[in-house]
Amino acid sequence: MDRILRPEGTVVMRDNVETLTKVERITKGMKWNTQIVDHGKGPYNPEKILVAVKTYWTGQPSNNNNNN
């Protein structure tokens, strides 16, 4: 999904909390902004919604100087 989604694109998933926390851990590892929220049935429903937004970032420039 990371290769398909453009920077600042959004993914919305609905599942149980256990599954969403696993997905949240993965998306945070990819430097996405994530949030798990309740849906219309209230906070006591075991099903939640995860909203993840892919951020735009670039890697750190390398300092490899090949001058000997």
C-alpha atoms as a PDB file:
ATOM      1  CA  MET A   1       0.000   0.000   0.000  1.00  0.00           C
ATOM      2  CA  ASP A   2       2.903   2.366   0.692  1.00  0.00           C
ATOM      3  CA  ARG A   3       3.954   2.274  -2.963  1.00  0.00           C
ATOM      4  CA  ILE A   4       0.423   2.808  -4.271  1.00  0.00           C
ATOM      5  CA  LEU A   5      -0.627   5.660  -2.004  1.00  0.00           C
ATOM      6  CA  ARG A   6       0.684   9.131  -2.813  1.00  0.00           C
ATOM      7  CA  PRO A   7       2.161  11.362  -0.100  1.00  0.00           C
ATOM      8  CA  GLU A   8      -0.593  12.944   1.999  1.00  0.00           C
ATOM      9  CA  GLY A   9      -3.007  10.233   0.843  1.00  0.00           C
ATOM     10  CA  THR A  10      -5.362   8.758   3.438  1.00  0.00           C
ATOM     11  CA  VAL A  11      -6.309   5.197   4.357  1.00  0.00           C
ATOM     12  CA  VAL A  12      -9.379   4.435   6.477  1.00  0.00           C
ATOM     13  CA  MET A  13      -9.712   0.971   8.050  1.00  0.00           C
ATOM     14  CA  ARG A  14     -12.422  -0.451  10.288  1.00  0.00           C
ATOM     15  CA  ASP A  15     -11.659  -3.522  12.373  1.00  0.00           C
ATOM     16  CA  ASN A  16     -11.248  -4.669  15.958  1.00  0.00           C
ATOM     17  CA  VAL A  17      -8.810  -2.832  18.220  1.00  0.00           C
ATOM     18  CA  GLU A  18      -6.234  -5.637  18.297  1.00  0.00           C
ATOM     19  CA  THR A  19      -5.868  -5.664  14.528  1.00  0.00           C
ATOM     20  CA  LEU A  20      -5.805  -1.896  14.245  1.00  0.00           C
ATOM     21  CA  THR A  21      -3.053  -1.526  16.853  1.00  0.00           C
ATOM     22  CA  LYS A  22      -0.911  -3.938  14.825  1.00  0.00           C
ATOM     23  CA  VAL A  23      -1.564  -1.925  11.664  1.00  0.00           C
ATOM     24  CA  GLU A  24      -0.889   1.303  13.563  1.00  0.00           C
ATOM     25  CA  ARG A  25       2.522   0.027  14.659  1.00  0.00           C
ATOM     26  CA  ILE A  26       3.429  -0.779  11.046  1.00  0.00           C
ATOM     27  CA  THR A  27       2.203   2.539   9.659  1.00  0.00           C
ATOM     28  CA  LYS A  28       4.054   4.518  12.332  1.00  0.00           C
ATOM     29  CA  GLY A  29       7.196   2.618  11.309  1.00  0.00           C
ATOM     30  CA  MET A  30       6.658   3.981   7.805  1.00  0.00           C
ATOM     31  CA  LYS A  31       6.361   7.514   9.277  1.00  0.00           C
ATOM     32  CA  TRP A  32       2.626   7.816   8.608  1.00  0.00           C
ATOM     33  CA  ASN A  33       0.379   9.882  10.902  1.00  0.00           C
ATOM     34  CA  THR A  34      -2.215   7.579  12.459  1.00  0.00           C
ATOM     35  CA  GLN A  35      -5.183   7.881  14.748  1.00  0.00           C
ATOM     36  CA  ILE A  36      -7.649   5.293  16.071  1.00  0.00           C
ATOM     37  CA  VAL A  37     -11.124   6.703  16.666  1.00  0.00           C
ATOM     38  CA  ASP A  38     -14.576   5.432  17.659  1.00  0.00           C
ATOM     39  CA  HIS A  39     -17.311   5.149  15.075  1.00  0.00           C
ATOM     40  CA  GLY A  40     -21.002   5.962  15.341  1.00  0.00           C
ATOM     41  CA  LYS A  41     -21.880   3.042  17.625  1.00  0.00           C
ATOM     42  CA  GLY A  42     -19.982   4.549  20.562  1.00  0.00           C
ATOM     43  CA  PRO A  43     -16.787   3.952  22.527  1.00  0.00           C
ATOM     44  CA  TYR A  44     -17.831   0.580  23.988  1.00  0.00           C
ATOM     45  CA  ASN A  45     -18.013  -1.136  20.600  1.00  0.00           C
ATOM     46  CA  PRO A  46     -14.935  -3.353  20.046  1.00  0.00           C
ATOM     47  CA  GLU A  47     -14.747  -2.192  16.433  1.00  0.00           C
ATOM     48  CA  LYS A  48     -12.797   1.037  15.824  1.00  0.00           C
ATOM     49  CA  ILE A  49     -11.636   3.108  12.849  1.00  0.00           C
ATOM     50  CA  LEU A  50      -7.997   3.749  11.989  1.00  0.00           C
ATOM     51  CA  VAL A  51      -7.188   6.808   9.888  1.00  0.00           C
ATOM     52  CA  ALA A  52      -3.665   6.842   8.480  1.00  0.00           C
ATOM     53  CA  VAL A  53      -2.142   9.634   6.399  1.00  0.00           C
ATOM     54  CA  LYS A  54       1.024   8.999   4.443  1.00  0.00           C
ATOM     55  CA  THR A  55       3.494  11.816   5.020  1.00  0.00           C
ATOM     56  CA  TYR A  56       5.958  13.246   2.563  1.00  0.00           C
ATOM     57  CA  TRP A  57       9.517  12.760   3.723  1.00  0.00           C
ATOM     58  CA  THR A  58      12.928  12.148   2.236  1.00  0.00           C
ATOM     59  CA  GLY A  59      15.855  10.234   3.614  1.00  0.00           C
ATOM     60  CA  GLN A  60      18.870  11.906   5.152  1.00  0.00           C
ATOM     61  CA  PRO A  61      21.591  12.766   2.616  1.00  0.00           C
ATOM     62  CA  SER A  62      24.594  10.504   2.938  1.00  0.00           C
ATOM     63  CA  ASN A  63      28.003  11.964   3.727  1.00  0.00           C
ATOM     64  CA  ASN A  64      29.938   9.411   1.726  1.00  0.00           C
ATOM     65  CA  ASN A  65      32.835  11.296   0.177  1.00  0.00           C
ATOM     66  CA  ASN A  66      34.745   9.153  -2.254  1.00  0.00           C
ATOM     67  CA  ASN A  67      37.692  11.560  -2.350  1.00  0.00           C
ATOM     68  CA  ASN A  68      40.783   9.685  -1.262  1.00  0.00           C
END
